[in-house]
Amino acid sequence: QFATRDLSSLQSVSIGSAPLAPKTQLMLIERLPDATVGNSYGMTE
């Protein structure tokens, strides 16, 4: 259902905790052209 659901409300998609596969990020960017889709980085320490 990734290709058919209405996801247009999303303005920011923050992905973190581990490296993100480039293919996965590119698929999200293509599907959500109006959103910021970033792989952020942080750690508890």
ModelCIF file with pLDDT and N, C-alpha, C, O atoms, coordinates in Angstrom:
data_MODEL
#
_entry.id   MODEL 
#
_entity.id                         1 
_entity.type                       polymer 
_entity.pdbx_number_of_molecules   1 
#
_entity_poly.entity_id                      1 
_entity_poly.type                           'polypeptide(L)' 
_entity_poly.nstd_linkage                   no 
_entity_poly.nstd_monomer                   no 
_entity_poly.pdbx_seq_one_letter_code       QFATRDLSSLQSVSIGSAPLAPKTQLMLIERLPDATVGNSYGMTE 
_entity_poly.pdbx_seq_one_letter_code_can   QFATRDLSSLQSVSIGSAPLAPKTQLMLIERLPDATVGNSYGMTE 
_entity_poly.pdbx_strand_id                 A 
#
loop_
_entity_poly_seq.entity_id 
_entity_poly_seq.num 
_entity_poly_seq.mon_id 
_entity_poly_seq.hetero 
1 1  GLN n 
1 2  PHE n 
1 3  ALA n 
1 4  THR n 
1 5  ARG n 
1 6  ASP n 
1 7  LEU n 
1 8  SER n 
1 9  SER n 
1 10 LEU n 
1 11 GLN n 
1 12 SER n 
1 13 VAL n 
1 14 SER n 
1 15 ILE n 
1 16 GLY n 
1 17 SER n 
1 18 ALA n 
1 19 PRO n 
1 20 LEU n 
1 21 ALA n 
1 22 PRO n 
1 23 LYS n 
1 24 THR n 
1 25 GLN n 
1 26 LEU n 
1 27 MET n 
1 28 LEU n 
1 29 ILE n 
1 30 GLU n 
1 31 ARG n 
1 32 LEU n 
1 33 PRO n 
1 34 ASP n 
1 35 ALA n 
1 36 THR n 
1 37 VAL n 
1 38 GLY n 
1 39 ASN n 
1 40 SER n 
1 41 TYR n 
1 42 GLY n 
1 43 MET n 
1 44 THR n 
1 45 GLU n 
#
_struct_asym.id          A 
_struct_asym.entity_id   1 
#
loop_
_ma_qa_metric.id 
_ma_qa_metric.mode 
_ma_qa_metric.name 
_ma_qa_metric.software_group_id 
_ma_qa_metric.type 
1 global pLDDT . pLDDT 
2 local  pLDDT . pLDDT 
#
_ma_qa_metric_global.metric_id      1 
_ma_qa_metric_global.metric_value   91.02 
_ma_qa_metric_global.model_id       1 
_ma_qa_metric_global.ordinal_id     1 
#
loop_
_ma_qa_metric_local.label_asym_id 
_ma_qa_metric_local.label_comp_id 
_ma_qa_metric_local.label_seq_id 
_ma_qa_metric_local.metric_id 
_ma_qa_metric_local.metric_value 
_ma_qa_metric_local.model_id 
_ma_qa_metric_local.ordinal_id 
A GLN 1  2 98.00 1 1  
A PHE 2  2 98.00 1 2  
A ALA 3  2 97.00 1 3  
A THR 4  2 97.00 1 4  
A ARG 5  2 98.00 1 5  
A ASP 6  2 98.00 1 6  
A LEU 7  2 98.00 1 7  
A SER 8  2 97.00 1 8  
A SER 9  2 98.00 1 9  
A LEU 10 2 97.00 1 10 
A GLN 11 2 96.00 1 11 
A SER 12 2 94.00 1 12 
A VAL 13 2 95.00 1 13 
A SER 14 2 91.00 1 14 
A ILE 15 2 91.00 1 15 
A GLY 16 2 84.00 1 16 
A SER 17 2 78.00 1 17 
A ALA 18 2 77.00 1 18 
A PRO 19 2 78.00 1 19 
A LEU 20 2 85.00 1 20 
A ALA 21 2 86.00 1 21 
A PRO 22 2 87.00 1 22 
A LYS 23 2 90.00 1 23 
A THR 24 2 93.00 1 24 
A GLN 25 2 92.00 1 25 
A LEU 26 2 92.00 1 26 
A MET 27 2 95.00 1 27 
A LEU 28 2 96.00 1 28 
A ILE 29 2 94.00 1 29 
A GLU 30 2 95.00 1 30 
A ARG 31 2 96.00 1 31 
A LEU 32 2 95.00 1 32 
A PRO 33 2 92.00 1 33 
A ASP 34 2 92.00 1 34 
A ALA 35 2 93.00 1 35 
A THR 36 2 92.00 1 36 
A VAL 37 2 93.00 1 37 
A GLY 38 2 87.00 1 38 
A ASN 39 2 85.00 1 39 
A SER 40 2 84.00 1 40 
A TYR 41 2 85.00 1 41 
A GLY 42 2 82.00 1 42 
A MET 43 2 83.00 1 43 
A THR 44 2 84.00 1 44 
A GLU 45 2 88.00 1 45 
#
loop_
_atom_site.group_PDB 
_atom_site.id 
_atom_site.type_symbol 
_atom_site.label_atom_id 
_atom_site.label_alt_id 
_atom_site.label_comp_id 
_atom_site.label_asym_id 
_atom_site.label_entity_id 
_atom_site.label_seq_id 
_atom_site.pdbx_PDB_ins_code 
_atom_site.Cartn_x 
_atom_site.Cartn_y 
_atom_site.Cartn_z 
_atom_site.occupancy 
_atom_site.B_iso_or_equiv 
_atom_site.pdbx_formal_charge 
_atom_site.auth_seq_id 
_atom_site.auth_comp_id 
_atom_site.auth_asym_id 
_atom_site.auth_atom_id 
_atom_site.pdbx_PDB_model_num 
ATOM 1   N N  . GLN A 1 1  ? 0.804  -1.216 0.000  1.00 98.00 ? 1  GLN A N  1 
ATOM 2   C CA . GLN A 1 1  ? 0.000  0.000  0.000  1.00 98.00 ? 1  GLN A CA 1 
ATOM 3   C C  . GLN A 1 1  ? 0.846  1.280  0.000  1.00 98.00 ? 1  GLN A C  1 
ATOM 4   O O  . GLN A 1 1  ? 0.303  2.384  0.028  1.00 98.00 ? 1  GLN A O  1 
ATOM 5   N N  . PHE A 1 2  ? 2.156  1.132  -0.031 1.00 98.00 ? 2  PHE A N  1 
ATOM 6   C CA . PHE A 1 2  ? 3.029  2.312  0.001  1.00 98.00 ? 2  PHE A CA 1 
ATOM 7   C C  . PHE A 1 2  ? 2.751  3.240  -1.181 1.00 98.00 ? 2  PHE A C  1 
ATOM 8   O O  . PHE A 1 2  ? 2.815  4.461  -1.039 1.00 98.00 ? 2  PHE A O  1 
ATOM 9   N N  . ALA A 1 3  ? 2.447  2.672  -2.331 1.00 97.00 ? 3  ALA A N  1 
ATOM 10  C CA . ALA A 1 3  ? 2.250  3.488  -3.536 1.00 97.00 ? 3  ALA A CA 1 
ATOM 11  C C  . ALA A 1 3  ? 0.865  4.108  -3.614 1.00 97.00 ? 3  ALA A C  1 
ATOM 12  O O  . ALA A 1 3  ? 0.648  5.026  -4.405 1.00 97.00 ? 3  ALA A O  1 
ATOM 13  N N  . THR A 1 4  ? -0.083 3.623  -2.808 1.00 97.00 ? 4  THR A N  1 
ATOM 14  C CA . THR A 1 4  ? -1.472 4.065  -2.995 1.00 97.00 ? 4  THR A CA 1 
ATOM 15  C C  . THR A 1 4  ? -2.028 4.905  -1.855 1.00 97.00 ? 4  THR A C  1 
ATOM 16  O O  . THR A 1 4  ? -2.963 5.671  -2.082 1.00 97.00 ? 4  THR A O  1 
ATOM 17  N N  . ARG A 1 5  ? -1.503 4.799  -0.653 1.00 98.00 ? 5  ARG A N  1 
ATOM 18  C CA . ARG A 1 5  ? -2.021 5.579  0.473  1.00 98.00 ? 5  ARG A CA 1 
ATOM 19  C C  . ARG A 1 5  ? -1.668 7.062  0.307  1.00 98.00 ? 5  ARG A C  1 
ATOM 20  O O  . ARG A 1 5  ? -0.641 7.400  -0.283 1.00 98.00 ? 5  ARG A O  1 
ATOM 21  N N  . ASP A 1 6  ? -2.521 7.937  0.829  1.00 98.00 ? 6  ASP A N  1 
ATOM 22  C CA . ASP A 1 6  ? -2.284 9.385  0.764  1.00 98.00 ? 6  ASP A CA 1 
ATOM 23  C C  . ASP A 1 6  ? -1.342 9.780  1.901  1.00 98.00 ? 6  ASP A C  1 
ATOM 24  O O  . ASP A 1 6  ? -1.734 9.790  3.068  1.00 98.00 ? 6  ASP A O  1 
ATOM 25  N N  . LEU A 1 7  ? -0.104 10.104 1.550  1.00 98.00 ? 7  LEU A N  1 
ATOM 26  C CA . LEU A 1 7  ? 0.921  10.482 2.525  1.00 98.00 ? 7  LEU A CA 1 
ATOM 27  C C  . LEU A 1 7  ? 1.289  11.957 2.402  1.00 98.00 ? 7  LEU A C  1 
ATOM 28  O O  . LEU A 1 7  ? 2.331  12.386 2.897  1.00 98.00 ? 7  LEU A O  1 
ATOM 29  N N  . SER A 1 8  ? 0.441  12.720 1.747  1.00 97.00 ? 8  SER A N  1 
ATOM 30  C CA . SER A 1 8  ? 0.795  14.088 1.383  1.00 97.00 ? 8  SER A CA 1 
ATOM 31  C C  . SER A 1 8  ? 0.891  15.040 2.566  1.00 97.00 ? 8  SER A C  1 
ATOM 32  O O  . SER A 1 8  ? 1.442  16.132 2.425  1.00 97.00 ? 8  SER A O  1 
ATOM 33  N N  . SER A 1 9  ? 0.367  14.655 3.738  1.00 98.00 ? 9  SER A N  1 
ATOM 34  C CA . SER A 1 9  ? 0.451  15.553 4.901  1.00 98.00 ? 9  SER A CA 1 
ATOM 35  C C  . SER A 1 9  ? 1.862  15.649 5.459  1.00 98.00 ? 9  SER A C  1 
ATOM 36  O O  . SER A 1 9  ? 2.200  16.627 6.126  1.00 98.00 ? 9  SER A O  1 
ATOM 37  N N  . LEU A 1 10 ? 2.690  14.640 5.193  1.00 97.00 ? 10 LEU A N  1 
ATOM 38  C CA . LEU A 1 10 ? 4.029  14.598 5.793  1.00 97.00 ? 10 LEU A CA 1 
ATOM 39  C C  . LEU A 1 10 ? 4.917  15.701 5.229  1.00 97.00 ? 10 LEU A C  1 
ATOM 40  O O  . LEU A 1 10 ? 5.102  15.819 4.017  1.00 97.00 ? 10 LEU A O  1 
ATOM 41  N N  . GLN A 1 11 ? 5.453  16.496 6.130  1.00 96.00 ? 11 GLN A N  1 
ATOM 42  C CA . GLN A 1 11 ? 6.385  17.552 5.755  1.00 96.00 ? 11 GLN A CA 1 
ATOM 43  C C  . GLN A 1 11 ? 7.827  17.205 6.117  1.00 96.00 ? 11 GLN A C  1 
ATOM 44  O O  . GLN A 1 11 ? 8.771  17.684 5.488  1.00 96.00 ? 11 GLN A O  1 
ATOM 45  N N  . SER A 1 12 ? 7.981  16.367 7.138  1.00 94.00 ? 12 SER A N  1 
ATOM 46  C CA . SER A 1 12 ? 9.315  15.988 7.593  1.00 94.00 ? 12 SER A CA 1 
ATOM 47  C C  . SER A 1 12 ? 9.316  14.531 8.020  1.00 94.00 ? 12 SER A C  1 
ATOM 48  O O  . SER A 1 12 ? 8.483  14.112 8.824  1.00 94.00 ? 12 SER A O  1 
ATOM 49  N N  . VAL A 1 13 ? 10.258 13.757 7.480  1.00 95.00 ? 13 VAL A N  1 
ATOM 50  C CA . VAL A 1 13 ? 10.443 12.353 7.844  1.00 95.00 ? 13 VAL A CA 1 
ATOM 51  C C  . VAL A 1 13 ? 11.868 12.210 8.336  1.00 95.00 ? 13 VAL A C  1 
ATOM 52  O O  . VAL A 1 13 ? 12.817 12.263 7.554  1.00 95.00 ? 13 VAL A O  1 
ATOM 53  N N  . SER A 1 14 ? 12.009 12.030 9.638  1.00 91.00 ? 14 SER A N  1 
ATOM 54  C CA . SER A 1 14 ? 13.328 11.919 10.256 1.00 91.00 ? 14 SER A CA 1 
ATOM 55  C C  . SER A 1 14 ? 13.602 10.455 10.563 1.00 91.00 ? 14 SER A C  1 
ATOM 56  O O  . SER A 1 14 ? 12.825 9.806  11.262 1.00 91.00 ? 14 SER A O  1 
ATOM 57  N N  . ILE A 1 15 ? 14.704 9.938  10.041 1.00 91.00 ? 15 ILE A N  1 
ATOM 58  C CA . ILE A 1 15 ? 15.058 8.526  10.219 1.00 91.00 ? 15 ILE A CA 1 
ATOM 59  C C  . ILE A 1 15 ? 16.388 8.472  10.950 1.00 91.00 ? 15 ILE A C  1 
ATOM 60  O O  . ILE A 1 15 ? 17.348 9.128  10.546 1.00 91.00 ? 15 ILE A O  1 
ATOM 61  N N  . GLY A 1 16 ? 16.450 7.697  12.017 1.00 84.00 ? 16 GLY A N  1 
ATOM 62  C CA . GLY A 1 16 ? 17.667 7.656  12.808 1.00 84.00 ? 16 GLY A CA 1 
ATOM 63  C C  . GLY A 1 16 ? 17.836 6.337  13.529 1.00 84.00 ? 16 GLY A C  1 
ATOM 64  O O  . GLY A 1 16 ? 17.013 5.431  13.405 1.00 84.00 ? 16 GLY A O  1 
ATOM 65  N N  . SER A 1 17 ? 18.915 6.242  14.283 1.00 78.00 ? 17 SER A N  1 
ATOM 66  C CA . SER A 1 17 ? 19.326 5.116  15.137 1.00 78.00 ? 17 SER A CA 1 
ATOM 67  C C  . SER A 1 17 ? 20.270 4.152  14.436 1.00 78.00 ? 17 SER A C  1 
ATOM 68  O O  . SER A 1 17 ? 20.955 3.374  15.099 1.00 78.00 ? 17 SER A O  1 
ATOM 69  N N  . ALA A 1 18 ? 20.321 4.187  13.105 1.00 77.00 ? 18 ALA A N  1 
ATOM 70  C CA . ALA A 1 18 ? 21.214 3.300  12.359 1.00 77.00 ? 18 ALA A CA 1 
ATOM 71  C C  . ALA A 1 18 ? 21.352 3.852  10.942 1.00 77.00 ? 18 ALA A C  1 
ATOM 72  O O  . ALA A 1 18 ? 20.520 4.647  10.504 1.00 77.00 ? 18 ALA A O  1 
ATOM 73  N N  . PRO A 1 19 ? 22.403 3.435  10.217 1.00 78.00 ? 19 PRO A N  1 
ATOM 74  C CA . PRO A 1 19 ? 22.521 3.878  8.823  1.00 78.00 ? 19 PRO A CA 1 
ATOM 75  C C  . PRO A 1 19 ? 21.325 3.432  7.986  1.00 78.00 ? 19 PRO A C  1 
ATOM 76  O O  . PRO A 1 19 ? 20.794 2.338  8.173  1.00 78.00 ? 19 PRO A O  1 
ATOM 77  N N  . LEU A 1 20 ? 20.916 4.291  7.071  1.00 85.00 ? 20 LEU A N  1 
ATOM 78  C CA . LEU A 1 20 ? 19.772 4.026  6.203  1.00 85.00 ? 20 LEU A CA 1 
ATOM 79  C C  . LEU A 1 20 ? 20.263 3.645  4.817  1.00 85.00 ? 20 LEU A C  1 
ATOM 80  O O  . LEU A 1 20 ? 21.115 4.331  4.253  1.00 85.00 ? 20 LEU A O  1 
ATOM 81  N N  . ALA A 1 21 ? 19.733 2.551  4.256  1.00 86.00 ? 21 ALA A N  1 
ATOM 82  C CA . ALA A 1 21 ? 20.124 2.128  2.916  1.00 86.00 ? 21 ALA A CA 1 
ATOM 83  C C  . ALA A 1 21 ? 19.763 3.205  1.898  1.00 86.00 ? 21 ALA A C  1 
ATOM 84  O O  . ALA A 1 21 ? 18.635 3.697  1.915  1.00 86.00 ? 21 ALA A O  1 
ATOM 85  N N  . PRO A 1 22 ? 20.679 3.586  1.015  1.00 87.00 ? 22 PRO A N  1 
ATOM 86  C CA . PRO A 1 22 ? 20.378 4.630  0.026  1.00 87.00 ? 22 PRO A CA 1 
ATOM 87  C C  . PRO A 1 22 ? 19.119 4.360  -0.781 1.00 87.00 ? 22 PRO A C  1 
ATOM 88  O O  . PRO A 1 22 ? 18.357 5.285  -1.062 1.00 87.00 ? 22 PRO A O  1 
ATOM 89  N N  . LYS A 1 23 ? 18.884 3.091  -1.164 1.00 90.00 ? 23 LYS A N  1 
ATOM 90  C CA . LYS A 1 23 ? 17.703 2.768  -1.956 1.00 90.00 ? 23 LYS A CA 1 
ATOM 91  C C  . LYS A 1 23 ? 16.418 3.118  -1.201 1.00 90.00 ? 23 LYS A C  1 
ATOM 92  O O  . LYS A 1 23 ? 15.472 3.645  -1.784 1.00 90.00 ? 23 LYS A O  1 
ATOM 93  N N  . THR A 1 24 ? 16.395 2.820  0.099  1.00 93.00 ? 24 THR A N  1 
ATOM 94  C CA . THR A 1 24 ? 15.212 3.116  0.905  1.00 93.00 ? 24 THR A CA 1 
ATOM 95  C C  . THR A 1 24 ? 14.963 4.613  0.974  1.00 93.00 ? 24 THR A C  1 
ATOM 96  O O  . THR A 1 24 ? 13.827 5.067  0.845  1.00 93.00 ? 24 THR A O  1 
ATOM 97  N N  . GLN A 1 25 ? 16.028 5.377  1.176  1.00 92.00 ? 25 GLN A N  1 
ATOM 98  C CA . GLN A 1 25 ? 15.876 6.828  1.236  1.00 92.00 ? 25 GLN A CA 1 
ATOM 99  C C  . GLN A 1 25 ? 15.393 7.388  -0.099 1.00 92.00 ? 25 GLN A C  1 
ATOM 100 O O  . GLN A 1 25 ? 14.527 8.263  -0.128 1.00 92.00 ? 25 GLN A O  1 
ATOM 101 N N  . LEU A 1 26 ? 15.945 6.893  -1.197 1.00 92.00 ? 26 LEU A N  1 
ATOM 102 C CA . LEU A 1 26 ? 15.541 7.375  -2.523 1.00 92.00 ? 26 LEU A CA 1 
ATOM 103 C C  . LEU A 1 26 ? 14.070 7.060  -2.806 1.00 92.00 ? 26 LEU A C  1 
ATOM 104 O O  . LEU A 1 26 ? 13.369 7.866  -3.418 1.00 92.00 ? 26 LEU A O  1 
ATOM 105 N N  . MET A 1 27 ? 13.603 5.888  -2.363 1.00 95.00 ? 27 MET A N  1 
ATOM 106 C CA . MET A 1 27 ? 12.196 5.532  -2.571 1.00 95.00 ? 27 MET A CA 1 
ATOM 107 C C  . MET A 1 27 ? 11.280 6.469  -1.792 1.00 95.00 ? 27 MET A C  1 
ATOM 108 O O  . MET A 1 27 ? 10.228 6.867  -2.292 1.00 95.00 ? 27 MET A O  1 
ATOM 109 N N  . LEU A 1 28 ? 11.674 6.822  -0.567 1.00 96.00 ? 28 LEU A N  1 
ATOM 110 C CA . LEU A 1 28 ? 10.862 7.738  0.225  1.00 96.00 ? 28 LEU A CA 1 
ATOM 111 C C  . LEU A 1 28 ? 10.863 9.141  -0.377 1.00 96.00 ? 28 LEU A C  1 
ATOM 112 O O  . LEU A 1 28 ? 9.831  9.812  -0.404 1.00 96.00 ? 28 LEU A O  1 
ATOM 113 N N  . ILE A 1 29 ? 12.039 9.585  -0.864 1.00 94.00 ? 29 ILE A N  1 
ATOM 114 C CA . ILE A 1 29 ? 12.126 10.920 -1.472 1.00 94.00 ? 29 ILE A CA 1 
ATOM 115 C C  . ILE A 1 29 ? 11.236 10.999 -2.712 1.00 94.00 ? 29 ILE A C  1 
ATOM 116 O O  . ILE A 1 29 ? 10.539 11.992 -2.922 1.00 94.00 ? 29 ILE A O  1 
ATOM 117 N N  . GLU A 1 30 ? 11.263 9.956  -3.524 1.00 95.00 ? 30 GLU A N  1 
ATOM 118 C CA . GLU A 1 30 ? 10.452 9.937  -4.746 1.00 95.00 ? 30 GLU A CA 1 
ATOM 119 C C  . GLU A 1 30 ? 8.961  9.931  -4.414 1.00 95.00 ? 30 GLU A C  1 
ATOM 120 O O  . GLU A 1 30 ? 8.165  10.576 -5.098 1.00 95.00 ? 30 GLU A O  1 
ATOM 121 N N  . ARG A 1 31 ? 8.587  9.205  -3.367 1.00 96.00 ? 31 ARG A N  1 
ATOM 122 C CA . ARG A 1 31 ? 7.178  9.075  -2.991 1.00 96.00 ? 31 ARG A CA 1 
ATOM 123 C C  . ARG A 1 31 ? 6.674  10.314 -2.263 1.00 96.00 ? 31 ARG A C  1 
ATOM 124 O O  . ARG A 1 31 ? 5.482  10.617 -2.306 1.00 96.00 ? 31 ARG A O  1 
ATOM 125 N N  . LEU A 1 32 ? 7.591  11.046 -1.581 1.00 95.00 ? 32 LEU A N  1 
ATOM 126 C CA . LEU A 1 32 ? 7.218  12.207 -0.770 1.00 95.00 ? 32 LEU A CA 1 
ATOM 127 C C  . LEU A 1 32 ? 7.995  13.435 -1.254 1.00 95.00 ? 32 LEU A C  1 
ATOM 128 O O  . LEU A 1 32 ? 8.846  13.941 -0.523 1.00 95.00 ? 32 LEU A O  1 
ATOM 129 N N  . PRO A 1 33 ? 7.728  13.915 -2.444 1.00 92.00 ? 33 PRO A N  1 
ATOM 130 C CA . PRO A 1 33 ? 8.535  14.994 -3.024 1.00 92.00 ? 33 PRO A CA 1 
ATOM 131 C C  . PRO A 1 33 ? 8.463  16.307 -2.265 1.00 92.00 ? 33 PRO A C  1 
ATOM 132 O O  . PRO A 1 33 ? 9.369  17.132 -2.386 1.00 92.00 ? 33 PRO A O  1 
ATOM 133 N N  . ASP A 1 34 ? 7.405  16.524 -1.482 1.00 92.00 ? 34 ASP A N  1 
ATOM 134 C CA . ASP A 1 34 ? 7.257  17.781 -0.755 1.00 92.00 ? 34 ASP A CA 1 
ATOM 135 C C  . ASP A 1 34 ? 7.775  17.704 0.681  1.00 92.00 ? 34 ASP A C  1 
ATOM 136 O O  . ASP A 1 34 ? 7.723  18.690 1.417  1.00 92.00 ? 34 ASP A O  1 
ATOM 137 N N  . ALA A 1 35 ? 8.271  16.546 1.073  1.00 93.00 ? 35 ALA A N  1 
ATOM 138 C CA . ALA A 1 35 ? 8.728  16.355 2.452  1.00 93.00 ? 35 ALA A CA 1 
ATOM 139 C C  . ALA A 1 35 ? 10.249 16.356 2.528  1.00 93.00 ? 35 ALA A C  1 
ATOM 140 O O  . ALA A 1 35 ? 10.937 16.045 1.555  1.00 93.00 ? 35 ALA A O  1 
ATOM 141 N N  . THR A 1 36 ? 10.756 16.711 3.696  1.00 92.00 ? 36 THR A N  1 
ATOM 142 C CA . THR A 1 36 ? 12.174 16.541 3.999  1.00 92.00 ? 36 THR A CA 1 
ATOM 143 C C  . THR A 1 36 ? 12.365 15.124 4.518  1.00 92.00 ? 36 THR A C  1 
ATOM 144 O O  . THR A 1 36 ? 11.827 14.774 5.569  1.00 92.00 ? 36 THR A O  1 
ATOM 145 N N  . VAL A 1 37 ? 13.118 14.312 3.802  1.00 93.00 ? 37 VAL A N  1 
ATOM 146 C CA . VAL A 1 37 ? 13.353 12.918 4.191  1.00 93.00 ? 37 VAL A CA 1 
ATOM 147 C C  . VAL A 1 37 ? 14.832 12.765 4.491  1.00 93.00 ? 37 VAL A C  1 
ATOM 148 O O  . VAL A 1 37 ? 15.639 12.595 3.578  1.00 93.00 ? 37 VAL A O  1 
ATOM 149 N N  . GLY A 1 38 ? 15.191 12.824 5.761  1.00 87.00 ? 38 GLY A N  1 
ATOM 150 C CA . GLY A 1 38 ? 16.601 12.801 6.131  1.00 87.00 ? 38 GLY A CA 1 
ATOM 151 C C  . GLY A 1 38 ? 16.941 11.683 7.087  1.00 87.00 ? 38 GLY A C  1 
ATOM 152 O O  . GLY A 1 38 ? 16.117 11.267 7.902  1.00 87.00 ? 38 GLY A O  1 
ATOM 153 N N  . ASN A 1 39 ? 18.181 11.196 6.976  1.00 85.00 ? 39 ASN A N  1 
ATOM 154 C CA . ASN A 1 39 ? 18.699 10.203 7.920  1.00 85.00 ? 39 ASN A CA 1 
ATOM 155 C C  . ASN A 1 39 ? 19.523 10.964 8.946  1.00 85.00 ? 39 ASN A C  1 
ATOM 156 O O  . ASN A 1 39 ? 20.686 11.285 8.698  1.00 85.00 ? 39 ASN A O  1 
ATOM 157 N N  . SER A 1 40 ? 18.931 11.254 10.092 1.00 84.00 ? 40 SER A N  1 
ATOM 158 C CA . SER A 1 40 ? 19.599 12.047 11.113 1.00 84.00 ? 40 SER A CA 1 
ATOM 159 C C  . SER A 1 40 ? 20.500 11.162 11.971 1.00 84.00 ? 40 SER A C  1 
ATOM 160 O O  . SER A 1 40 ? 20.473 9.936  11.861 1.00 84.00 ? 40 SER A O  1 
ATOM 161 N N  . TYR A 1 41 ? 21.291 11.795 12.820 1.00 85.00 ? 41 TYR A N  1 
ATOM 162 C CA . TYR A 1 41 ? 22.235 11.050 13.649 1.00 85.00 ? 41 TYR A CA 1 
ATOM 163 C C  . TYR A 1 41 ? 22.254 11.649 15.051 1.00 85.00 ? 41 TYR A C  1 
ATOM 164 O O  . TYR A 1 41 ? 22.340 12.864 15.229 1.00 85.00 ? 41 TYR A O  1 
ATOM 165 N N  . GLY A 1 42 ? 22.172 10.769 16.033 1.00 82.00 ? 42 GLY A N  1 
ATOM 166 C CA . GLY A 1 42 ? 22.323 11.170 17.423 1.00 82.00 ? 42 GLY A CA 1 
ATOM 167 C C  . GLY A 1 42 ? 22.612 9.929  18.243 1.00 82.00 ? 42 GLY A C  1 
ATOM 168 O O  . GLY A 1 42 ? 22.466 8.812  17.747 1.00 82.00 ? 42 GLY A O  1 
ATOM 169 N N  . MET A 1 43 ? 23.018 10.104 19.484 1.00 83.00 ? 43 MET A N  1 
ATOM 170 C CA . MET A 1 43 ? 23.238 8.967  20.374 1.00 83.00 ? 43 MET A CA 1 
ATOM 171 C C  . MET A 1 43 ? 22.971 9.417  21.808 1.00 83.00 ? 43 MET A C  1 
ATOM 172 O O  . MET A 1 43 ? 23.125 10.590 22.149 1.00 83.00 ? 43 MET A O  1 
ATOM 173 N N  . THR A 1 44 ? 22.571 8.464  22.630 1.00 84.00 ? 44 THR A N  1 
ATOM 174 C CA . THR A 1 44 ? 22.178 8.800  23.995 1.00 84.00 ? 44 THR A CA 1 
ATOM 175 C C  . THR A 1 44 ? 23.309 9.495  24.729 1.00 84.00 ? 44 THR A C  1 
ATOM 176 O O  . THR A 1 44 ? 23.069 10.451 25.467 1.00 84.00 ? 44 THR A O  1 
ATOM 177 N N  . GLU A 1 45 ? 24.545 9.030  24.536 1.00 88.00 ? 45 GLU A N  1 
ATOM 178 C CA . GLU A 1 45 ? 25.685 9.633  25.218 1.00 88.00 ? 45 GLU A CA 1 
ATOM 179 C C  . GLU A 1 45 ? 25.889 11.091 24.821 1.00 88.00 ? 45 GLU A C  1 
ATOM 180 O O  . GLU A 1 45 ? 26.812 11.741 25.311 1.00 88.00 ? 45 GLU A O  1 
#
